[in-house]
């Protein structure tokens, strides 16, 4: 077995090293982002294949590969993946209400959209969370599809606050914005 020569580091650092070894750089251009997105779609197809075959080992591998390619994509456009993930997961936590009164206000938000909801209660580390979910597969009057069981955004939800990319990365992205795409993306929910 080929043993790793990489010292102990977190997953984000290891993914950065993998990208360096593969010759992927933190250049910040749209062509690299498109290539990484294409590879992520390929990995998504492998995940679907593993699901269809009911192969748990390949499924686990595919999920991890998706994370590697997604984090690699952030690396390649010059973003700090760890900071971005913290911002996004902090935002995701604002989807959940802490009191039943707040959950009722969230339900009212979705009632206006003609979306039937239900509230699930969860306790994590001694903290109560009231999770408003779509009660069934449905389309709201806003045209959005709500899958049964999907947890919905609290009325108090706040979008992630991502740090600005550095000035040189923004310049590189802008300079490469006219580069035509070499990949076509025709993956839709009904094909997954």
N, C-alpha and C. Protein backbone atom coordinates (compact mmCIF):
# COMPACT_ATOMS: atom_id res chain seq x y z
N UNK A 1 0.83 -1.18 0.00
CA UNK A 1 0.00 0.00 0.00
C UNK A 1 0.88 1.25 0.00
N UNK A 2 0.55 2.20 -0.83
CA UNK A 2 1.29 3.45 -0.93
C UNK A 2 0.95 4.33 0.26
N UNK A 3 1.92 4.56 1.13
CA UNK A 3 1.66 5.36 2.31
C UNK A 3 1.82 6.83 2.00
N UNK A 4 0.99 7.63 2.64
CA UNK A 4 1.01 9.08 2.42
C UNK A 4 2.27 9.68 3.02
N UNK A 5 2.86 10.59 2.27
CA UNK A 5 4.01 11.34 2.78
C UNK A 5 3.56 12.70 3.28
N UNK A 6 2.25 12.91 3.31
CA UNK A 6 1.70 14.18 3.75
C UNK A 6 1.55 14.14 5.26
N UNK A 7 2.11 15.13 5.96
CA UNK A 7 1.97 15.13 7.42
C UNK A 7 0.51 15.33 7.82
N UNK A 8 0.24 15.14 9.11
CA UNK A 8 -1.13 15.30 9.61
C UNK A 8 -1.64 16.71 9.29
N UNK A 9 -2.78 16.77 8.62
CA UNK A 9 -3.40 18.06 8.31
C UNK A 9 -4.89 17.84 8.15
N UNK A 10 -5.63 18.94 8.14
CA UNK A 10 -7.08 18.76 8.01
C UNK A 10 -7.44 18.46 6.56
N UNK A 11 -8.69 18.09 6.34
CA UNK A 11 -9.15 17.66 5.02
C UNK A 11 -8.98 18.76 3.99
N UNK A 12 -9.29 20.00 4.35
CA UNK A 12 -9.17 21.10 3.41
C UNK A 12 -7.71 21.27 2.95
N UNK A 13 -6.78 21.15 3.89
CA UNK A 13 -5.37 21.24 3.54
C UNK A 13 -4.95 20.10 2.63
N UNK A 14 -5.42 18.89 2.91
CA UNK A 14 -5.08 17.75 2.07
C UNK A 14 -5.61 17.94 0.65
N UNK A 15 -6.83 18.47 0.53
CA UNK A 15 -7.40 18.69 -0.81
C UNK A 15 -6.58 19.73 -1.56
N UNK A 16 -6.09 20.73 -0.86
CA UNK A 16 -5.22 21.72 -1.50
C UNK A 16 -3.94 21.07 -1.99
N UNK A 17 -3.35 20.19 -1.18
CA UNK A 17 -2.13 19.49 -1.58
C UNK A 17 -2.41 18.61 -2.80
N UNK A 18 -3.53 17.89 -2.79
CA UNK A 18 -3.90 17.05 -3.93
C UNK A 18 -3.97 17.90 -5.20
N UNK A 19 -4.57 19.08 -5.10
CA UNK A 19 -4.67 19.96 -6.26
C UNK A 19 -3.30 20.44 -6.73
N UNK A 20 -2.43 20.77 -5.78
CA UNK A 20 -1.07 21.17 -6.17
C UNK A 20 -0.35 20.03 -6.89
N UNK A 21 -0.44 18.82 -6.34
CA UNK A 21 0.22 17.66 -6.94
C UNK A 21 -0.32 17.42 -8.35
N UNK A 22 -1.63 17.60 -8.53
CA UNK A 22 -2.27 17.38 -9.83
C UNK A 22 -1.99 18.50 -10.82
N UNK A 23 -1.31 19.56 -10.36
CA UNK A 23 -1.00 20.68 -11.26
C UNK A 23 -2.09 21.73 -11.32
N UNK A 24 -3.10 21.60 -10.45
CA UNK A 24 -4.16 22.61 -10.39
C UNK A 24 -3.68 23.75 -9.50
N UNK A 25 -3.82 24.94 -10.00
CA UNK A 25 -3.33 26.08 -9.24
C UNK A 25 -4.47 26.97 -8.80
N UNK A 26 -4.16 27.85 -7.90
CA UNK A 26 -5.12 28.82 -7.38
C UNK A 26 -5.06 30.05 -8.28
N UNK A 27 -5.48 29.87 -9.54
CA UNK A 27 -5.36 30.94 -10.53
C UNK A 27 -6.56 31.87 -10.56
N UNK A 28 -7.69 31.38 -10.21
CA UNK A 28 -8.87 32.22 -10.27
C UNK A 28 -9.29 32.55 -11.69
N UNK A 29 -9.61 31.52 -12.48
CA UNK A 29 -10.17 31.83 -13.80
C UNK A 29 -11.38 30.93 -14.06
N UNK A 30 -12.25 31.42 -14.93
CA UNK A 30 -13.51 30.73 -15.19
C UNK A 30 -13.31 29.40 -15.90
N UNK A 31 -12.28 29.28 -16.73
CA UNK A 31 -12.04 28.01 -17.41
C UNK A 31 -11.74 26.90 -16.40
N UNK A 32 -10.95 27.23 -15.37
CA UNK A 32 -10.67 26.25 -14.32
C UNK A 32 -11.93 25.91 -13.54
N UNK A 33 -12.74 26.93 -13.27
CA UNK A 33 -14.00 26.70 -12.55
C UNK A 33 -14.92 25.79 -13.37
N UNK A 34 -14.96 26.01 -14.68
CA UNK A 34 -15.80 25.19 -15.55
C UNK A 34 -15.30 23.75 -15.59
N UNK A 35 -13.99 23.58 -15.66
CA UNK A 35 -13.42 22.23 -15.68
C UNK A 35 -13.75 21.50 -14.37
N UNK A 36 -13.62 22.21 -13.27
CA UNK A 36 -13.90 21.61 -11.97
C UNK A 36 -15.39 21.26 -11.86
N UNK A 37 -16.25 22.13 -12.36
CA UNK A 37 -17.69 21.86 -12.35
C UNK A 37 -18.00 20.63 -13.19
N UNK A 38 -17.35 20.51 -14.33
CA UNK A 38 -17.56 19.34 -15.18
C UNK A 38 -17.18 18.06 -14.44
N UNK A 39 -16.04 18.09 -13.76
CA UNK A 39 -15.60 16.90 -13.02
C UNK A 39 -16.54 16.60 -11.86
N UNK A 40 -17.13 17.62 -11.27
CA UNK A 40 -18.09 17.42 -10.20
C UNK A 40 -19.34 16.73 -10.74
N UNK A 41 -19.76 17.10 -11.95
CA UNK A 41 -20.91 16.45 -12.59
C UNK A 41 -20.59 14.97 -12.86
N UNK A 42 -19.38 14.70 -13.31
CA UNK A 42 -18.96 13.31 -13.55
C UNK A 42 -19.04 12.52 -12.24
N UNK A 43 -18.57 13.12 -11.16
CA UNK A 43 -18.62 12.43 -9.86
C UNK A 43 -20.05 12.24 -9.40
N UNK A 44 -20.93 13.20 -9.70
CA UNK A 44 -22.35 13.06 -9.34
C UNK A 44 -22.95 11.85 -10.06
N UNK A 45 -22.55 11.67 -11.30
CA UNK A 45 -23.05 10.51 -12.05
C UNK A 45 -22.58 9.21 -11.40
N UNK A 46 -21.34 9.20 -10.90
CA UNK A 46 -20.83 8.01 -10.20
C UNK A 46 -21.63 7.76 -8.92
N UNK A 47 -22.04 8.82 -8.25
CA UNK A 47 -22.85 8.67 -7.06
C UNK A 47 -24.20 8.05 -7.41
N UNK A 48 -24.82 8.52 -8.48
CA UNK A 48 -26.11 7.97 -8.91
C UNK A 48 -25.95 6.50 -9.27
N UNK A 49 -24.87 6.19 -9.95
CA UNK A 49 -24.59 4.79 -10.32
C UNK A 49 -24.47 3.91 -9.07
N UNK A 50 -23.75 4.41 -8.07
CA UNK A 50 -23.59 3.65 -6.82
C UNK A 50 -24.93 3.45 -6.13
N UNK A 51 -25.79 4.46 -6.17
CA UNK A 51 -27.13 4.33 -5.59
C UNK A 51 -27.92 3.26 -6.33
N UNK A 52 -27.87 3.31 -7.65
CA UNK A 52 -28.62 2.34 -8.46
C UNK A 52 -28.15 0.92 -8.20
N UNK A 53 -26.84 0.73 -7.99
CA UNK A 53 -26.28 -0.59 -7.76
C UNK A 53 -26.35 -1.00 -6.28
N UNK A 54 -26.78 -0.06 -5.43
CA UNK A 54 -26.84 -0.31 -3.99
C UNK A 54 -25.48 -0.73 -3.45
N UNK A 55 -24.43 -0.03 -3.90
CA UNK A 55 -23.06 -0.32 -3.50
C UNK A 55 -22.61 0.74 -2.49
N UNK A 56 -22.67 0.38 -1.21
CA UNK A 56 -22.36 1.34 -0.14
C UNK A 56 -20.93 1.85 -0.19
N UNK A 57 -19.98 0.99 -0.55
CA UNK A 57 -18.58 1.42 -0.62
C UNK A 57 -18.39 2.46 -1.71
N UNK A 58 -18.94 2.19 -2.90
CA UNK A 58 -18.82 3.16 -3.99
C UNK A 58 -19.61 4.43 -3.69
N UNK A 59 -20.70 4.30 -2.98
CA UNK A 59 -21.49 5.47 -2.60
C UNK A 59 -20.69 6.37 -1.67
N UNK A 60 -20.06 5.80 -0.67
CA UNK A 60 -19.23 6.59 0.25
C UNK A 60 -18.10 7.26 -0.50
N UNK A 61 -17.45 6.51 -1.40
CA UNK A 61 -16.36 7.06 -2.19
C UNK A 61 -16.87 8.22 -3.05
N UNK A 62 -18.03 8.05 -3.66
CA UNK A 62 -18.58 9.09 -4.54
C UNK A 62 -18.91 10.36 -3.75
N UNK A 63 -19.51 10.20 -2.57
CA UNK A 63 -19.80 11.38 -1.75
C UNK A 63 -18.50 12.12 -1.39
N UNK A 64 -17.49 11.37 -1.01
CA UNK A 64 -16.20 12.00 -0.67
C UNK A 64 -15.58 12.66 -1.89
N UNK A 65 -15.65 11.99 -3.05
CA UNK A 65 -15.12 12.60 -4.28
C UNK A 65 -15.84 13.90 -4.60
N UNK A 66 -17.15 13.94 -4.38
CA UNK A 66 -17.89 15.19 -4.61
C UNK A 66 -17.36 16.31 -3.73
N UNK A 67 -17.10 15.98 -2.48
CA UNK A 67 -16.55 17.00 -1.56
C UNK A 67 -15.18 17.45 -2.03
N UNK A 68 -14.34 16.49 -2.44
CA UNK A 68 -13.00 16.82 -2.91
C UNK A 68 -13.07 17.75 -4.12
N UNK A 69 -13.94 17.43 -5.09
CA UNK A 69 -14.03 18.27 -6.28
C UNK A 69 -14.66 19.63 -5.97
N UNK A 70 -15.63 19.66 -5.06
CA UNK A 70 -16.25 20.94 -4.69
C UNK A 70 -15.24 21.83 -3.97
N UNK A 71 -14.53 21.28 -3.01
CA UNK A 71 -13.52 22.06 -2.29
C UNK A 71 -12.38 22.43 -3.24
N UNK A 72 -12.02 21.51 -4.13
CA UNK A 72 -11.00 21.82 -5.14
C UNK A 72 -11.43 22.97 -6.04
N UNK A 73 -12.71 23.03 -6.36
CA UNK A 73 -13.23 24.13 -7.16
C UNK A 73 -13.06 25.46 -6.44
N UNK A 74 -13.34 25.48 -5.15
CA UNK A 74 -13.14 26.71 -4.38
C UNK A 74 -11.66 27.09 -4.37
N UNK A 75 -10.80 26.11 -4.18
CA UNK A 75 -9.36 26.35 -4.21
C UNK A 75 -8.94 26.95 -5.55
N UNK A 76 -9.42 26.37 -6.64
CA UNK A 76 -8.98 26.80 -7.97
C UNK A 76 -9.43 28.20 -8.33
N UNK A 77 -10.56 28.66 -7.75
CA UNK A 77 -10.96 30.04 -8.05
C UNK A 77 -10.39 31.03 -7.04
N UNK A 78 -9.54 30.55 -6.13
CA UNK A 78 -8.86 31.44 -5.21
C UNK A 78 -9.60 31.71 -3.92
N UNK A 79 -10.55 30.87 -3.59
CA UNK A 79 -11.33 31.05 -2.37
C UNK A 79 -10.73 30.23 -1.24
N UNK A 80 -11.01 30.65 -0.03
CA UNK A 80 -10.60 29.89 1.15
C UNK A 80 -11.77 28.98 1.55
N UNK A 81 -11.70 27.72 1.17
CA UNK A 81 -12.81 26.79 1.34
C UNK A 81 -13.25 26.66 2.79
N UNK A 82 -12.32 26.59 3.70
CA UNK A 82 -12.68 26.41 5.10
C UNK A 82 -13.51 27.59 5.60
N UNK A 83 -13.11 28.80 5.26
CA UNK A 83 -13.86 29.98 5.68
C UNK A 83 -15.22 30.02 5.00
N UNK A 84 -15.27 29.67 3.70
CA UNK A 84 -16.54 29.64 2.99
C UNK A 84 -17.49 28.61 3.61
N UNK A 85 -16.96 27.45 3.95
CA UNK A 85 -17.80 26.40 4.55
C UNK A 85 -18.34 26.85 5.91
N UNK A 86 -17.52 27.53 6.69
CA UNK A 86 -18.01 28.05 7.97
C UNK A 86 -19.14 29.04 7.75
N UNK A 87 -18.98 29.94 6.79
CA UNK A 87 -20.02 30.94 6.50
C UNK A 87 -21.31 30.26 6.05
N UNK A 88 -21.19 29.25 5.19
CA UNK A 88 -22.39 28.57 4.67
C UNK A 88 -23.06 27.75 5.77
N UNK A 89 -22.28 27.02 6.57
CA UNK A 89 -22.91 26.21 7.62
C UNK A 89 -23.49 27.10 8.71
N UNK A 90 -22.86 28.24 9.01
CA UNK A 90 -23.45 29.19 9.96
C UNK A 90 -24.79 29.67 9.43
N UNK A 91 -24.86 29.94 8.14
CA UNK A 91 -26.11 30.37 7.51
C UNK A 91 -27.15 29.25 7.59
N UNK A 92 -26.73 28.02 7.29
CA UNK A 92 -27.67 26.90 7.34
C UNK A 92 -28.31 26.76 8.73
N UNK A 93 -27.54 27.02 9.75
CA UNK A 93 -28.08 26.91 11.11
C UNK A 93 -29.19 27.92 11.36
N UNK A 94 -29.20 29.04 10.62
CA UNK A 94 -30.27 30.03 10.81
C UNK A 94 -31.57 29.58 10.17
N UNK A 95 -31.57 28.45 9.47
CA UNK A 95 -32.82 27.90 8.90
C UNK A 95 -33.73 27.36 10.01
N UNK A 96 -33.17 27.03 11.16
CA UNK A 96 -33.90 26.34 12.21
C UNK A 96 -34.31 27.32 13.31
N UNK A 97 -35.57 27.21 13.70
CA UNK A 97 -36.08 28.06 14.77
C UNK A 97 -35.73 27.46 16.13
N UNK A 98 -35.64 28.33 17.13
CA UNK A 98 -35.30 27.88 18.48
C UNK A 98 -36.51 27.81 19.40
N UNK A 99 -37.63 28.38 18.97
CA UNK A 99 -38.85 28.31 19.79
C UNK A 99 -40.02 27.92 18.89
N UNK A 100 -41.05 27.37 19.51
CA UNK A 100 -42.25 27.01 18.75
C UNK A 100 -42.91 28.28 18.20
N UNK A 101 -42.84 29.36 18.93
CA UNK A 101 -43.42 30.62 18.46
C UNK A 101 -42.76 31.05 17.15
N UNK A 102 -41.45 30.91 17.07
CA UNK A 102 -40.75 31.26 15.83
C UNK A 102 -41.10 30.29 14.71
N UNK A 103 -41.24 29.01 15.05
CA UNK A 103 -41.62 28.02 14.04
C UNK A 103 -42.99 28.35 13.45
N UNK A 104 -43.90 28.82 14.29
CA UNK A 104 -45.23 29.21 13.80
C UNK A 104 -45.10 30.39 12.83
N UNK A 105 -44.22 31.33 13.14
CA UNK A 105 -44.00 32.47 12.23
C UNK A 105 -43.42 31.98 10.90
N UNK A 106 -42.54 30.98 10.96
CA UNK A 106 -41.99 30.41 9.73
C UNK A 106 -43.08 29.71 8.94
N UNK A 107 -43.94 28.98 9.63
CA UNK A 107 -45.06 28.34 8.94
C UNK A 107 -45.95 29.38 8.26
N UNK A 108 -46.17 30.50 8.92
CA UNK A 108 -46.98 31.57 8.34
C UNK A 108 -46.33 32.10 7.05
N UNK A 109 -45.01 32.19 7.07
CA UNK A 109 -44.27 32.62 5.87
C UNK A 109 -44.59 31.69 4.70
N UNK A 110 -44.62 30.38 4.96
CA UNK A 110 -44.87 29.41 3.89
C UNK A 110 -46.35 29.27 3.57
N UNK A 111 -47.22 29.54 4.54
CA UNK A 111 -48.67 29.54 4.25
C UNK A 111 -48.99 30.58 3.17
N UNK A 112 -48.33 31.71 3.24
CA UNK A 112 -48.53 32.76 2.23
C UNK A 112 -48.15 32.24 0.84
N UNK A 113 -47.18 31.32 0.78
CA UNK A 113 -46.73 30.73 -0.48
C UNK A 113 -47.56 29.50 -0.86
N UNK A 114 -48.58 29.20 -0.09
CA UNK A 114 -49.44 28.03 -0.30
C UNK A 114 -48.65 26.72 -0.18
N UNK A 115 -47.71 26.68 0.76
CA UNK A 115 -46.89 25.50 1.01
C UNK A 115 -47.31 24.91 2.35
N UNK A 116 -47.78 23.65 2.32
CA UNK A 116 -48.15 22.96 3.55
C UNK A 116 -46.88 22.53 4.28
N UNK A 117 -46.86 22.79 5.58
CA UNK A 117 -45.67 22.50 6.37
C UNK A 117 -46.04 21.70 7.62
N UNK A 118 -45.01 21.16 8.23
CA UNK A 118 -45.14 20.56 9.56
C UNK A 118 -43.88 20.89 10.33
N UNK A 119 -43.95 20.79 11.64
CA UNK A 119 -42.81 21.13 12.50
C UNK A 119 -42.28 19.87 13.15
N UNK A 120 -40.98 19.69 13.06
CA UNK A 120 -40.31 18.59 13.74
C UNK A 120 -39.43 19.19 14.83
N UNK A 121 -39.39 18.55 15.96
CA UNK A 121 -38.58 19.04 17.07
C UNK A 121 -37.36 18.14 17.22
N UNK A 122 -36.21 18.77 17.38
CA UNK A 122 -34.96 18.05 17.57
C UNK A 122 -34.21 18.70 18.73
N UNK A 123 -33.55 17.89 19.54
CA UNK A 123 -32.70 18.41 20.60
C UNK A 123 -31.28 17.98 20.29
N UNK A 124 -30.39 18.94 20.16
CA UNK A 124 -28.97 18.66 19.91
C UNK A 124 -28.14 19.38 20.95
N UNK A 125 -27.33 18.65 21.67
CA UNK A 125 -26.49 19.21 22.73
C UNK A 125 -27.29 20.08 23.69
N UNK A 126 -28.49 19.62 24.04
CA UNK A 126 -29.31 20.32 25.01
C UNK A 126 -30.08 21.52 24.46
N UNK A 127 -29.95 21.78 23.16
CA UNK A 127 -30.65 22.91 22.54
C UNK A 127 -31.81 22.39 21.70
N UNK A 128 -32.98 23.00 21.90
CA UNK A 128 -34.16 22.65 21.11
C UNK A 128 -34.12 23.36 19.77
N UNK A 129 -34.45 22.61 18.73
CA UNK A 129 -34.59 23.17 17.39
C UNK A 129 -35.96 22.77 16.87
N UNK A 130 -36.64 23.71 16.24
CA UNK A 130 -37.94 23.47 15.65
C UNK A 130 -37.75 23.60 14.15
N UNK A 131 -37.85 22.47 13.46
CA UNK A 131 -37.53 22.39 12.05
C UNK A 131 -38.83 22.36 11.25
N UNK A 132 -39.03 23.39 10.44
CA UNK A 132 -40.22 23.45 9.59
C UNK A 132 -39.87 22.77 8.28
N UNK A 133 -40.67 21.77 7.91
CA UNK A 133 -40.41 21.01 6.68
C UNK A 133 -41.63 21.04 5.78
N UNK A 134 -41.39 20.79 4.50
CA UNK A 134 -42.48 20.67 3.55
C UNK A 134 -43.24 19.38 3.87
N UNK A 135 -44.56 19.49 4.00
CA UNK A 135 -45.38 18.34 4.38
C UNK A 135 -45.56 17.34 3.25
N UNK A 136 -45.30 17.77 2.01
CA UNK A 136 -45.49 16.88 0.86
C UNK A 136 -44.74 17.46 -0.33
N UNK A 137 -44.62 16.69 -1.40
CA UNK A 137 -44.10 17.24 -2.65
C UNK A 137 -45.11 18.25 -3.16
N UNK A 138 -44.66 19.47 -3.41
CA UNK A 138 -45.60 20.52 -3.81
C UNK A 138 -44.87 21.67 -4.48
N UNK A 139 -45.62 22.47 -5.18
CA UNK A 139 -45.09 23.67 -5.81
C UNK A 139 -45.82 24.85 -5.18
N UNK A 140 -45.04 25.78 -4.63
CA UNK A 140 -45.64 26.95 -4.01
C UNK A 140 -46.13 27.92 -5.07
N UNK A 141 -46.90 28.92 -4.64
CA UNK A 141 -47.39 29.90 -5.60
C UNK A 141 -46.28 30.82 -6.12
N UNK A 142 -45.07 30.62 -5.62
CA UNK A 142 -43.90 31.32 -6.15
C UNK A 142 -43.21 30.51 -7.25
N UNK A 143 -43.78 29.33 -7.58
CA UNK A 143 -43.23 28.47 -8.64
C UNK A 143 -42.11 27.55 -8.18
N UNK A 144 -41.71 27.66 -6.92
CA UNK A 144 -40.62 26.83 -6.40
C UNK A 144 -41.15 25.46 -5.98
N UNK A 145 -40.34 24.41 -6.27
CA UNK A 145 -40.70 23.05 -5.88
C UNK A 145 -40.21 22.80 -4.46
N UNK A 146 -41.08 22.24 -3.64
CA UNK A 146 -40.77 21.89 -2.26
C UNK A 146 -40.95 20.38 -2.10
N UNK A 147 -39.85 19.66 -1.97
CA UNK A 147 -39.86 18.21 -1.82
C UNK A 147 -40.35 17.85 -0.42
N UNK A 148 -41.13 16.79 -0.31
CA UNK A 148 -41.60 16.33 1.00
C UNK A 148 -40.42 16.11 1.93
N UNK A 149 -40.49 16.69 3.13
CA UNK A 149 -39.44 16.52 4.12
C UNK A 149 -38.31 17.53 4.03
N UNK A 150 -38.29 18.35 2.97
CA UNK A 150 -37.23 19.35 2.83
C UNK A 150 -37.35 20.34 3.99
N UNK A 151 -36.22 20.60 4.67
CA UNK A 151 -36.30 21.59 5.73
C UNK A 151 -36.25 22.97 5.11
N UNK A 152 -37.14 23.82 5.58
CA UNK A 152 -37.37 25.13 4.98
C UNK A 152 -36.66 26.22 5.78
N UNK A 153 -36.45 27.34 5.13
CA UNK A 153 -35.75 28.46 5.76
C UNK A 153 -36.66 29.17 6.76
N UNK A 154 -36.14 29.34 7.96
CA UNK A 154 -36.85 30.10 8.97
C UNK A 154 -37.12 31.51 8.46
N UNK A 155 -38.12 32.14 9.02
CA UNK A 155 -38.36 33.54 8.68
C UNK A 155 -37.18 34.40 9.11
N UNK A 156 -36.33 33.86 10.00
CA UNK A 156 -35.15 34.57 10.48
C UNK A 156 -33.86 34.21 9.72
N UNK A 157 -34.01 33.41 8.66
CA UNK A 157 -32.85 32.93 7.89
C UNK A 157 -32.00 34.10 7.41
N UNK A 158 -30.69 33.91 7.43
CA UNK A 158 -29.79 34.91 6.86
C UNK A 158 -28.84 34.22 5.89
N UNK A 159 -28.63 34.85 4.74
CA UNK A 159 -27.73 34.31 3.72
C UNK A 159 -26.30 34.27 4.24
N UNK A 160 -25.49 33.39 3.67
CA UNK A 160 -24.09 33.34 4.10
C UNK A 160 -23.37 34.65 3.79
N UNK A 161 -22.49 35.03 4.68
CA UNK A 161 -21.65 36.20 4.47
C UNK A 161 -20.26 35.69 4.12
N UNK A 162 -19.99 35.66 2.81
CA UNK A 162 -18.70 35.16 2.34
C UNK A 162 -17.71 36.31 2.25
N UNK A 163 -16.47 36.03 2.64
CA UNK A 163 -15.43 37.06 2.51
C UNK A 163 -15.19 37.36 1.04
N UNK A 164 -14.85 38.59 0.76
CA UNK A 164 -14.53 38.96 -0.61
C UNK A 164 -13.27 38.24 -1.06
N UNK A 165 -13.26 37.85 -2.32
CA UNK A 165 -12.04 37.30 -2.89
C UNK A 165 -11.01 38.41 -2.97
N UNK A 166 -9.74 38.05 -2.93
CA UNK A 166 -8.70 39.07 -3.01
C UNK A 166 -8.78 39.81 -4.34
N UNK A 167 -8.29 41.03 -4.35
CA UNK A 167 -8.35 41.87 -5.54
C UNK A 167 -7.73 41.23 -6.77
N UNK A 168 -6.58 40.55 -6.59
CA UNK A 168 -5.93 39.93 -7.75
C UNK A 168 -6.75 38.75 -8.29
N UNK A 169 -7.43 38.02 -7.42
CA UNK A 169 -8.27 36.91 -7.87
C UNK A 169 -9.47 37.46 -8.64
N UNK A 170 -10.08 38.52 -8.14
CA UNK A 170 -11.21 39.13 -8.83
C UNK A 170 -10.78 39.61 -10.21
N UNK A 171 -9.61 40.23 -10.29
CA UNK A 171 -9.08 40.70 -11.58
C UNK A 171 -8.87 39.53 -12.54
N UNK A 172 -8.32 38.41 -12.03
CA UNK A 172 -8.09 37.23 -12.87
C UNK A 172 -9.41 36.65 -13.37
N UNK A 173 -10.41 36.60 -12.50
CA UNK A 173 -11.72 36.09 -12.91
C UNK A 173 -12.33 37.00 -13.98
N UNK A 174 -12.25 38.31 -13.76
CA UNK A 174 -12.80 39.25 -14.74
C UNK A 174 -12.08 39.14 -16.07
N UNK A 175 -10.76 38.98 -16.02
CA UNK A 175 -9.97 38.87 -17.26
C UNK A 175 -10.31 37.60 -18.03
N UNK A 176 -10.73 36.57 -17.32
CA UNK A 176 -11.02 35.30 -17.99
C UNK A 176 -12.50 35.13 -18.30
N UNK A 177 -13.31 36.13 -18.03
CA UNK A 177 -14.77 35.96 -18.19
C UNK A 177 -15.20 35.77 -19.63
N UNK A 178 -14.38 36.16 -20.59
CA UNK A 178 -14.73 35.99 -22.00
C UNK A 178 -14.32 34.65 -22.57
N UNK A 179 -13.68 33.80 -21.76
CA UNK A 179 -13.22 32.50 -22.22
C UNK A 179 -14.43 31.59 -22.41
N UNK A 180 -14.61 31.03 -23.62
CA UNK A 180 -15.79 30.17 -23.84
C UNK A 180 -15.68 28.87 -23.06
N UNK A 181 -16.83 28.35 -22.69
CA UNK A 181 -16.91 27.10 -21.96
C UNK A 181 -16.55 25.94 -22.89
N UNK A 182 -15.79 24.99 -22.36
CA UNK A 182 -15.43 23.80 -23.14
C UNK A 182 -16.30 22.61 -22.76
N UNK A 183 -17.22 22.84 -21.84
CA UNK A 183 -18.07 21.75 -21.36
C UNK A 183 -19.52 22.18 -21.43
N UNK A 184 -20.39 21.23 -21.71
CA UNK A 184 -21.81 21.55 -21.63
C UNK A 184 -22.37 20.80 -20.43
N UNK A 185 -23.24 21.45 -19.72
CA UNK A 185 -23.79 20.87 -18.51
C UNK A 185 -25.26 20.61 -18.74
N UNK A 186 -25.60 19.36 -18.88
CA UNK A 186 -26.99 18.99 -19.09
C UNK A 186 -27.41 18.01 -18.02
N UNK A 187 -27.13 18.36 -16.79
CA UNK A 187 -27.54 17.50 -15.69
C UNK A 187 -28.72 18.18 -15.02
N UNK A 188 -29.80 17.46 -14.87
CA UNK A 188 -30.99 18.00 -14.23
C UNK A 188 -31.44 17.02 -13.16
N UNK A 189 -32.31 17.52 -12.30
CA UNK A 189 -32.76 16.68 -11.19
C UNK A 189 -33.39 15.38 -11.68
N UNK A 190 -34.09 15.43 -12.81
CA UNK A 190 -34.73 14.21 -13.28
C UNK A 190 -33.73 13.21 -13.87
N UNK A 191 -32.50 13.65 -14.14
CA UNK A 191 -31.47 12.74 -14.65
C UNK A 191 -30.60 12.19 -13.53
N UNK A 192 -30.73 12.73 -12.35
CA UNK A 192 -29.90 12.29 -11.22
C UNK A 192 -30.59 11.17 -10.48
